[in-house]
Protein backbone atom coordinates (compact mmCIF):
# COMPACT_ATOMS: atom_id res chain seq x y z
CA MET A 1 94.71 9.62 34.26
CA THR A 2 96.48 11.55 31.49
CA ARG A 3 95.52 11.52 27.81
CA PHE A 4 98.73 9.66 27.08
CA THR A 5 97.87 6.91 29.59
CA CYS A 6 94.34 6.60 28.20
CA PHE A 7 95.62 6.46 24.65
CA THR A 8 98.21 3.80 25.51
CA ALA A 9 95.62 1.70 27.29
CA VAL A 10 93.26 1.88 24.32
CA VAL A 11 95.95 1.00 21.82
CA LEU A 12 97.45 -1.86 23.82
CA LEU A 13 94.25 -3.41 25.15
CA CYS A 14 91.57 -2.73 22.57
CA MET A 15 93.31 -3.09 19.22
CA PRO A 16 93.26 -6.64 17.92
CA PHE A 17 96.61 -5.82 16.37
CA ALA A 18 98.04 -4.39 19.62
CA VAL A 19 101.68 -3.50 19.51
CA GLY A 20 103.87 -6.24 20.87
CA LYS A 21 106.01 -9.14 19.80
CA ASN A 22 103.25 -10.50 17.55
CA ASN A 23 102.26 -7.07 16.21
CA ASN A 24 100.28 -7.44 13.01
CA LEU A 25 99.63 -3.78 11.93
CA THR A 26 99.12 -3.59 8.19
CA LEU A 27 101.10 -1.29 5.94
CA GLU A 28 98.03 0.88 5.33
CA GLN A 29 97.37 1.24 9.06
CA THR A 30 101.01 2.10 9.69
CA VAL A 31 100.97 4.76 6.98
CA THR A 32 97.76 6.20 8.47
CA LEU A 33 99.36 6.45 11.91
CA CYS A 34 102.48 8.00 10.34
CA ASN A 35 100.34 10.61 8.57
CA ALA A 36 98.63 11.41 11.87
CA LEU A 37 102.03 11.81 13.53
CA LYS A 38 103.22 14.18 10.78
CA GLN A 39 100.05 16.24 11.17
CA PHE A 40 100.64 16.61 14.90
CA ARG A 41 104.29 17.48 14.32
CA GLY A 42 103.31 20.16 11.79
CA LEU A 43 100.63 21.49 14.10
CA LYS A 44 103.25 23.45 16.07
CA ASP A 45 104.28 25.52 13.05
CA ALA A 46 100.65 26.03 12.05
CA VAL A 47 99.80 27.48 15.46
CA ARG A 48 102.95 29.59 15.44
CA ASP A 49 102.05 31.07 12.05
CA LEU A 50 98.49 31.81 13.12
CA LYS A 51 99.73 33.53 16.29
CA TYR A 52 102.17 35.59 14.24
CA TRP A 53 99.54 36.83 11.81
CA ILE A 54 96.97 37.47 14.53
CA THR A 55 99.56 39.49 16.48
CA THR A 56 100.67 41.37 13.36
CA GLU A 57 97.14 42.30 12.33
CA SER A 58 96.24 43.25 15.91
CA LEU A 59 99.27 45.55 16.04
CA LYS A 60 98.11 47.25 12.84
CA ILE A 61 94.72 47.82 14.45
CA SER A 62 96.32 49.20 17.61
CA ASN A 63 98.49 51.59 15.59
CA ALA A 64 95.47 52.70 13.58
CA LYS A 65 93.66 53.45 16.85
CA THR A 66 96.62 55.48 18.14
CA ARG A 67 96.76 57.56 14.98
CA SER A 68 92.99 57.91 14.93
CA ASP A 69 93.02 59.18 18.53
CA GLU A 70 95.69 61.73 17.59
CA TYR A 71 93.50 62.98 14.76
CA VAL A 72 90.54 63.25 17.15
CA THR A 73 92.68 65.33 19.54
CA LEU A 74 93.58 67.55 16.63
CA ALA A 75 89.89 67.73 15.76
CA GLU A 76 89.13 69.00 19.27
CA ASP A 77 91.63 71.82 18.74
CA VAL A 78 90.02 72.61 15.40
CA LEU A 79 86.61 72.75 17.05
CA TRP A 80 87.84 75.30 19.58
CA GLU A 81 89.11 77.46 16.76
CA ASN A 82 86.14 77.25 14.43
CA ARG A 83 82.59 76.53 15.56
CA ASN A 84 81.63 75.86 11.93
CA ALA A 85 83.74 72.68 12.07
CA THR A 86 81.31 70.91 14.42
CA ASP A 87 79.79 68.53 11.84
CA PRO A 88 83.01 67.10 10.35
CA VAL A 89 84.61 66.86 13.78
CA GLU A 90 81.64 64.94 15.18
CA ARG A 91 81.73 62.61 12.16
CA ALA A 92 85.43 62.05 12.78
CA LYS A 93 84.70 61.16 16.41
CA ARG A 94 82.03 58.64 15.40
CA VAL A 95 84.33 56.94 12.90
CA ALA A 96 87.17 56.95 15.45
CA SER A 97 84.90 55.15 17.92
CA ASN A 98 84.57 52.31 15.38
CA VAL A 99 88.36 52.08 15.22
CA THR A 100 88.48 51.94 19.02
CA GLU A 101 85.89 49.15 19.04
CA ALA A 102 87.95 47.16 16.51
CA ALA A 103 91.03 47.60 18.71
CA LYS A 104 89.15 46.29 21.76
CA LYS A 105 87.99 43.21 19.83
CA ALA A 106 91.52 42.58 18.58
CA GLU A 107 92.86 42.79 22.12
CA THR A 108 90.30 40.22 23.29
CA ALA A 109 91.18 38.02 20.31
CA SER A 110 94.86 38.09 21.28
CA ILE A 111 94.01 36.78 24.74
CA GLU A 112 91.84 34.04 23.22
CA THR A 113 94.67 33.11 20.84
CA GLU A 114 97.10 32.49 23.70
CA PHE A 115 94.56 30.33 25.52
CA ARG A 116 93.76 28.15 22.50
CA ALA A 117 97.41 27.87 21.48
CA GLU A 118 98.26 26.48 24.93
CA ASN A 119 95.45 23.90 24.67
CA ILE A 120 96.64 22.75 21.24
CA GLU A 121 100.27 22.52 22.36
CA GLU A 122 99.36 20.34 25.35
CA ILE A 123 97.44 17.91 23.11
CA ARG A 124 100.09 18.01 20.38
CA SER A 125 103.10 17.31 22.59
CA ASN A 126 101.44 14.33 24.32
CA ARG A 127 100.15 12.88 21.05
CA VAL A 128 103.49 13.20 19.24
CA ALA A 129 105.26 11.38 22.09
CA ALA A 130 102.69 8.56 22.09
CA LEU A 131 102.69 8.05 18.32
CA GLU A 132 106.49 8.11 18.09
CA ARG A 133 106.67 5.48 20.82
CA MET A 134 104.11 3.32 19.02
CA LEU A 135 105.83 3.51 15.63
CA LYS A 136 109.16 2.76 17.27
CA GLU A 137 107.62 -0.46 18.63
CA VAL A 138 106.22 -1.27 15.20
CA ALA A 139 109.59 -0.66 13.54
CA GLY A 140 111.22 -3.06 15.97
CA HIS A 141 108.69 -5.88 16.24
CA ASN A 142 106.30 -6.04 13.28
CA SER A 143 106.66 -9.24 11.29
CA ASN A 144 106.31 -7.48 7.91
CA TRP A 145 109.53 -5.77 6.77
CA ARG A 146 107.57 -3.27 4.66
CA VAL A 147 105.59 -2.23 7.74
CA ARG A 148 108.78 -1.96 9.79
CA SER A 149 110.39 0.12 7.06
CA ALA A 150 107.38 2.46 6.82
CA ALA A 151 107.37 2.93 10.59
CA GLU A 152 111.11 3.54 10.70
CA LYS A 153 111.01 6.10 7.87
CA CYS A 154 108.17 8.14 9.43
CA LYS A 155 110.18 11.34 9.80
CA GLY A 156 109.46 15.04 9.40
CA ALA A 157 106.25 17.04 9.70
CA ALA A 158 103.37 17.80 7.38
CA GLU A 159 103.38 21.20 5.74
CA SER A 160 100.44 23.62 5.84
CA VAL A 161 98.57 21.86 8.63
CA SER A 162 95.03 23.21 8.96
CA SER A 163 91.73 22.26 10.51
CA ASP A 164 90.76 20.72 7.15
CA SER A 165 93.91 18.58 6.95
CA LEU A 166 93.32 17.37 10.51
CA ASN A 167 89.74 16.48 9.60
CA GLY A 168 91.13 14.51 6.64
CA THR A 169 93.41 12.62 9.02
CA LEU A 170 90.44 11.90 11.26
CA LEU A 171 88.47 10.41 8.35
CA GLU A 172 91.50 8.31 7.40
CA LEU A 173 91.66 6.96 10.96
CA PHE A 174 87.97 6.06 10.84
CA SER A 175 88.33 4.22 7.53
CA THR A 176 91.60 2.42 8.25
CA LEU A 177 91.60 1.42 11.91
CA PRO A 178 89.00 -0.82 13.53
CA GLU A 179 86.14 0.94 15.29
CA GLY A 180 87.05 1.98 18.82
CA ALA A 181 90.63 0.86 18.45
CA SER A 182 92.06 4.41 18.40
CA LYS A 183 89.46 6.44 20.27
CA GLY A 184 92.03 8.55 22.15
CA LEU A 185 93.84 9.46 18.94
CA GLU A 186 90.56 10.27 17.22
CA ASP A 187 89.41 12.47 20.12
CA ASP A 188 92.69 14.38 20.19
CA THR A 189 92.62 14.85 16.42
CA ARG A 190 89.04 16.09 16.58
CA GLU A 191 89.79 18.49 19.48
CA SER A 192 92.94 19.81 17.81
CA SER A 193 91.03 20.39 14.58
CA GLY A 194 88.31 22.29 16.45
CA GLU A 195 90.78 24.48 18.35
CA LEU A 196 92.77 25.17 15.19
CA TRP A 197 89.60 26.12 13.33
CA LYS A 198 88.78 28.63 16.08
CA LEU A 199 92.24 30.16 15.73
CA GLU A 200 91.75 30.37 11.96
CA PHE A 201 88.42 32.08 12.56
CA VAL A 202 90.07 34.51 14.99
CA LEU A 203 92.56 35.43 12.26
CA TYR A 204 89.72 35.90 9.77
CA ASN A 205 87.97 38.26 12.20
CA VAL A 206 91.14 40.17 13.03
CA VAL A 207 91.84 40.71 9.32
CA THR A 208 88.28 42.04 8.94
CA TRP A 209 88.70 44.36 11.94
CA ARG A 210 92.04 45.55 10.57
CA SER A 211 90.31 46.51 7.34
CA VAL A 212 87.66 48.42 9.32
CA ALA A 213 90.31 50.13 11.47
CA LEU A 214 92.51 51.25 8.58
CA LYS A 215 89.54 52.47 6.58
CA GLY A 216 88.24 54.30 9.65
CA GLU A 217 91.62 55.88 10.31
CA SER A 218 91.78 57.05 6.70
CA THR A 219 88.30 58.58 6.98
CA VAL A 220 89.15 60.34 10.25
CA LYS A 221 92.36 61.68 8.74
CA GLU A 222 90.52 62.93 5.66
CA LEU A 223 87.85 64.67 7.73
CA VAL A 224 90.30 66.32 10.11
CA GLU A 225 92.79 67.36 7.46
CA GLY A 226 89.98 68.78 5.35
CA THR A 227 88.86 70.83 8.32
CA LYS A 228 92.47 71.81 9.03
CA ALA A 229 92.75 73.12 5.49
CA SER A 230 89.80 75.38 6.12
CA ILE A 231 91.46 76.46 9.36
CA THR A 232 94.64 77.26 7.44
CA ARG A 233 92.57 79.46 5.18
CA LYS A 234 90.99 80.91 8.30
CA TYR A 235 94.37 82.01 9.66
CA ASN A 236 95.31 83.74 6.42
CA LEU A 237 94.42 87.08 8.01
CA THR A 238 94.87 90.72 7.12
CA LEU A 239 97.02 93.13 9.11
CA ASN A 240 93.97 94.75 10.77
CA GLN A 241 92.60 91.36 11.83
CA THR A 242 95.96 90.30 13.24
CA GLN A 243 96.29 93.54 15.19
CA ALA A 244 92.80 93.02 16.65
CA VAL A 245 93.80 89.55 17.86
CA CYS A 246 97.07 90.91 19.27
CA LEU A 247 95.32 93.65 21.24
CA MET A 248 92.95 91.13 22.81
CA VAL A 249 95.86 88.83 23.70
CA GLU A 250 97.64 91.77 25.35
CA GLN A 251 94.50 92.49 27.38
CA TYR A 252 94.29 88.87 28.58
CA ARG A 253 97.99 88.88 29.42
CA GLY A 254 97.54 92.00 31.54
CA LEU A 255 94.35 90.75 33.17
CA LYS A 256 96.27 88.89 35.89
CA GLY A 257 98.10 92.04 36.95
CA ALA A 258 94.85 94.00 37.12
CA VAL A 259 93.17 91.30 39.19
CA ASP A 260 96.20 90.98 41.48
CA ALA A 261 96.23 94.75 42.08
CA PHE A 262 92.60 94.76 43.15
CA THR A 263 93.10 91.62 45.23
CA GLU A 264 96.17 92.96 47.04
CA GLN A 265 94.30 96.12 47.95
CA ALA A 266 91.35 94.07 49.20
CA VAL A 267 93.62 91.74 51.21
CA SER A 268 95.33 94.71 52.83
CA ARG A 269 91.99 96.29 53.79
CA SER A 270 90.65 92.95 55.05
CA ALA A 271 93.72 92.44 57.26
CA MET A 272 93.35 95.94 58.69
CA VAL A 273 89.66 95.31 59.41
CA SER A 274 90.50 92.05 61.21
CA LYS A 275 93.03 93.82 63.44
CA VAL A 276 90.55 96.58 64.29
CA GLU A 277 87.93 94.00 65.19
CA GLU A 278 90.40 92.13 67.41
CA ARG A 279 91.34 95.32 69.23
CA SER A 280 87.70 96.31 69.71
CA GLN A 281 86.83 92.91 71.15
CA ALA A 282 89.75 93.16 73.56
CA ASN A 283 88.77 96.71 74.54
CA ALA A 284 85.28 95.52 75.41
CA LYS A 285 86.75 93.32 78.14
CA ARG A 286 88.69 96.10 79.86
CA PRO A 287 87.24 97.40 83.18
CA GLY A 288 85.68 100.84 83.42
CA GLY A 289 82.43 102.79 83.49
CA HIS A 290 79.81 103.31 80.81
CA MET A 291 80.33 99.73 79.65
CA ASP A 292 76.94 99.61 77.91
CA GLN A 293 78.06 102.44 75.64
CA VAL A 294 81.38 100.68 75.08
CA LYS A 295 79.64 97.43 74.15
CA ARG A 296 77.35 99.23 71.72
CA ALA A 297 80.39 100.84 70.10
CA VAL A 298 82.12 97.44 69.91
CA ALA A 299 79.01 95.96 68.28
CA GLU A 300 79.06 98.73 65.68
CA VAL A 301 82.70 97.91 64.91
CA ALA A 302 81.84 94.20 64.59
CA LYS A 303 78.92 94.95 62.27
CA ALA A 304 81.05 97.16 60.05
CA ALA A 305 83.84 94.56 60.05
CA ASN A 306 81.42 91.78 59.08
CA LYS A 307 80.18 93.86 56.16
CA ALA A 308 83.76 94.45 55.03
CA GLN A 309 84.61 90.74 55.23
CA ASN A 310 81.52 89.79 53.20
CA VAL A 311 82.65 92.17 50.49
CA PHE A 312 86.13 90.63 50.65
CA LYS A 313 84.64 87.19 49.95
CA LYS A 314 83.08 88.58 46.77
CA VAL A 315 86.42 90.05 45.75
CA SER A 316 88.10 86.65 46.23
CA SER A 317 85.40 84.89 44.21
CA TYR A 318 85.63 87.35 41.31
CA ALA A 319 89.42 87.06 41.30
CA ARG A 320 89.33 83.24 41.12
CA ASN A 321 86.81 83.24 38.28
CA LEU A 322 88.68 85.86 36.28
CA LYS A 323 91.97 83.97 36.58
CA SER A 324 90.24 80.73 35.59
CA ILE A 325 88.81 82.25 32.41
CA ARG A 326 92.16 83.83 31.59
CA ALA A 327 93.97 80.52 32.11
CA HIS A 328 91.59 78.88 29.65
CA TYR A 329 91.63 81.41 26.82
CA LEU A 330 95.12 82.90 26.90
CA PRO A 331 96.90 79.70 25.68
CA LEU A 332 94.32 79.33 22.91
CA MET A 333 94.80 82.91 21.76
CA GLU A 334 98.59 82.61 21.98
CA ASN A 335 98.29 79.53 19.78
CA THR A 336 96.12 81.53 17.38
CA LEU A 337 98.90 84.09 17.03
CA ARG A 338 101.40 81.34 16.23
CA LYS A 339 99.10 79.95 13.55
CA ILE A 340 98.60 83.39 12.03
CA ALA A 341 102.39 83.76 11.92
CA GLY A 342 102.59 80.44 10.08
CA ASN A 343 99.63 80.79 7.71
CA ALA A 344 99.14 84.45 6.88
CA ALA A 345 99.99 85.33 3.28
CA ASP A 346 100.35 89.00 4.17
CA GLU A 347 103.93 89.48 5.40
CA LYS A 348 102.90 92.47 7.52
CA ALA A 349 100.20 90.40 9.23
CA LYS A 350 102.67 87.57 9.77
CA LYS A 351 105.21 89.96 11.27
CA ALA A 352 102.56 91.56 13.51
CA ALA A 353 101.69 88.11 14.90
CA GLU A 354 105.34 87.24 15.47
CA VAL A 355 106.17 90.41 17.43
CA CYS A 356 102.99 90.47 19.51
CA GLY A 357 104.63 89.91 22.88
CA GLU A 358 103.58 92.89 24.97
CA THR A 359 101.34 92.88 28.03
CA ALA A 360 98.71 95.58 28.47
CA TRP A 361 99.60 97.93 31.35
CA VAL A 362 96.02 99.07 31.79
CA VAL A 363 93.21 96.52 31.78
CA THR A 364 89.76 97.86 32.60
CA PRO A 365 86.21 96.77 31.86
CA LYS A 366 86.09 99.40 29.12
CA SER A 367 89.39 98.36 27.51
CA LEU A 368 88.29 94.71 27.47
CA ASP A 369 84.92 95.57 25.98
CA ASP A 370 86.54 97.79 23.35
CA MET A 371 88.84 94.95 22.29
CA ARG A 372 85.89 92.53 22.18
CA LYS A 373 84.00 94.87 19.85
CA LYS A 374 87.10 95.31 17.70
CA LEU A 375 87.41 91.53 17.38
CA MET A 376 83.73 91.20 16.46
CA ASP A 377 84.14 93.89 13.78
CA ASN A 378 87.03 92.00 12.21
CA PHE A 379 85.71 88.48 12.81
CA PRO A 380 81.91 88.22 12.42
CA ASN A 381 82.16 84.43 12.95
CA LEU A 382 84.14 84.70 16.18
CA SER A 383 83.57 81.82 18.59
CA GLU A 384 80.35 82.58 20.48
CA ARG A 385 81.85 81.22 23.68
CA LEU A 386 84.94 83.46 23.48
CA GLU A 387 82.80 86.49 22.70
CA SER A 388 80.38 85.66 25.52
CA ASP A 389 83.10 84.89 28.08
CA THR A 390 85.00 88.08 27.24
CA ARG A 391 81.81 90.00 27.87
CA VAL A 392 81.52 88.17 31.20
CA VAL A 393 85.14 89.04 32.04
CA SER A 394 84.42 92.70 31.36
CA HIS A 395 81.39 92.71 33.66
CA MET A 396 83.19 90.67 36.32
CA LEU A 397 86.15 93.04 36.29
CA GLU A 398 83.70 95.90 36.78
CA ASP A 399 82.20 94.04 39.75
CA LEU A 400 85.69 93.41 41.14
CA ASN A 401 86.47 97.10 40.79
CA THR A 402 83.25 98.03 42.58
CA SER A 403 83.78 95.46 45.33
CA THR A 404 87.32 96.71 45.93
CA GLN A 405 85.97 100.24 46.33
CA LEU A 406 83.31 98.93 48.69
CA ILE A 407 85.80 97.12 50.90
CA THR A 408 87.91 100.30 51.03
CA ILE A 409 84.85 102.29 52.07
CA ALA A 410 83.92 99.57 54.56
CA SER A 411 87.42 99.60 56.04
CA ILE A 412 87.19 103.39 56.51
CA ALA A 413 83.83 102.88 58.22
CA VAL A 414 85.42 100.32 60.53
CA ARG A 415 88.20 102.76 61.44
CA ARG A 416 85.65 105.46 62.15
CA LYS A 417 83.76 103.06 64.39
CA GLU A 418 87.01 102.30 66.19
CA VAL A 419 87.68 106.02 66.66
CA LYS A 420 84.18 106.33 68.11
CA LEU A 421 84.89 103.36 70.39
CA ASN A 422 88.12 104.92 71.61
CA LYS A 423 86.34 108.18 72.41
CA THR A 424 83.64 106.25 74.27
CA MET A 425 86.28 104.44 76.30
CA GLU A 426 88.05 107.71 76.98
CA VAL A 427 84.83 109.11 78.43
CA ALA A 428 84.46 105.90 80.44
CA GLY A 429 87.97 106.33 81.80
CA VAL A 430 89.29 103.19 80.13
CA ALA A 431 92.64 103.23 78.33
CA SER A 432 92.17 101.66 74.89
CA LEU A 433 94.57 99.05 73.54
CA ILE A 434 95.33 101.15 70.50
CA GLU A 435 96.85 103.81 72.77
CA PHE A 436 99.06 101.26 74.54
CA GLY A 437 99.88 99.46 71.33
CA GLU A 438 100.87 102.55 69.36
CA GLY A 439 102.27 104.60 72.26
CA ARG A 440 100.94 107.77 73.76
CA LEU A 441 101.14 110.76 71.51
CA SER A 442 102.03 114.21 72.66
CA SER A 443 99.63 116.97 71.88
CA MET A 444 101.95 118.05 69.06
CA GLY A 445 102.15 114.46 67.81
CA SER A 446 98.38 114.09 68.05
CA ALA A 447 97.92 117.22 66.00
CA ALA A 448 100.34 115.92 63.40
CA ASN A 449 98.59 112.58 63.42
CA ASN A 450 95.24 114.27 62.83
CA LYS A 451 96.70 116.08 59.83
CA ASN A 452 98.04 112.78 58.47
CA HIS A 453 94.66 111.17 59.05
CA ASN A 454 92.93 113.94 57.13
CA LEU A 455 95.48 113.57 54.33
CA ARG A 456 94.77 109.83 54.12
CA LEU A 457 91.04 110.52 53.91
CA LEU A 458 91.71 112.94 51.08
CA LEU A 459 93.80 110.31 49.27
CA PHE A 460 91.02 107.74 49.73
CA SER A 461 88.56 110.19 48.17
CA LEU A 462 90.91 110.75 45.23
CA THR A 463 91.29 106.98 44.87
CA PHE A 464 87.51 106.53 44.62
CA THR A 465 87.36 109.24 41.99
CA LEU A 466 90.16 107.73 39.89
CA VAL A 467 88.83 104.18 40.19
CA GLY A 468 85.42 105.45 39.17
CA LEU A 469 86.94 107.04 36.07
CA LEU A 470 88.62 103.74 35.17
């Protein structure tokens, strides 16, 4: 049974002055019912206004959170650039978290607002229809012309409907109508008043949260901008300081090329080792005498190849780590150059930052360490992490250099083992795959090949010497 049906039943059956042909509602009772109707009519605008202000204030909170988050992101950048900014940045984060909490509460409040507004509208629409129908009956059938006139003239809606005005209407119903005669109307008035009060309280809370959010945003902005100002002063560098930064940036730019050169050499040697191992394994399966000696020679090749491949794994690991560190720091240092170009008072320093676009051709452990020391001399408060990681890069590049030399040496060892294997197979009367694969060489060709082989060994020796010097 709907509220409207219940209300109609109560009014028609319980009221001693039930609406009908012999309706005997008094003028005071009619005015009371008219006032109740106007309150319910005005309830729609009251809810609409509350929803508008709750939405407006919630939007202000959401915007404050967005701006606060942007300041926190900026604070993170500041922290990377200056480790002395830790305290104000952490304070900014804590205040920003309060803004975020206010935004979450406002979002929940918006959902609650929609729910309560729907409840009120359902009650309001049913009650307005029932009261209008009742007063229409009164206007047409009441015996007192003043009552009929009051019922007929009950137009419009009450202004500024609130939970308090609805409570006033409820008290008026209690005092004017007989007890129990309008229970449905009283219940709906009481429920509407309660729901409206909750919406009013939601607005009160949202306004409070908006105040917290805007104040928090202002505090975050003040903290971050104050730290930014110190950063601006920080980037007001001299020419020598700017040149030190530029040289380090050039080293990090060239680091990829240095790593790639070592890696390409290692990949080439690793591929050669794999082919030698494949040939040796195939040779071991060919028929012939002295197979025990052949197998031992094959095992020596496999052992040497395994050692070479283990070294290659180290090379790959060093290369990945070096590129990862470079990918992290190079954008930060490039950004530092841009900020120097924008903040340096010294025109020469500004120009030096603007034109710093070269890439170092030679990047070695020593060149990296020299640039690190130069930076430390010019910037005593350099980020500990950057200083530490650059030191790590220098050592890692040294290890990469060493590992590349080792894989070259290991690959030579593998080739020597293969030569030994081929000689063993020759003694055993077995034709090796390398002979078939590369074609038989004439004695003149073999002699030329031996000379070329000796020349390659000499070049390898020179390579070790040069790499050692680097």
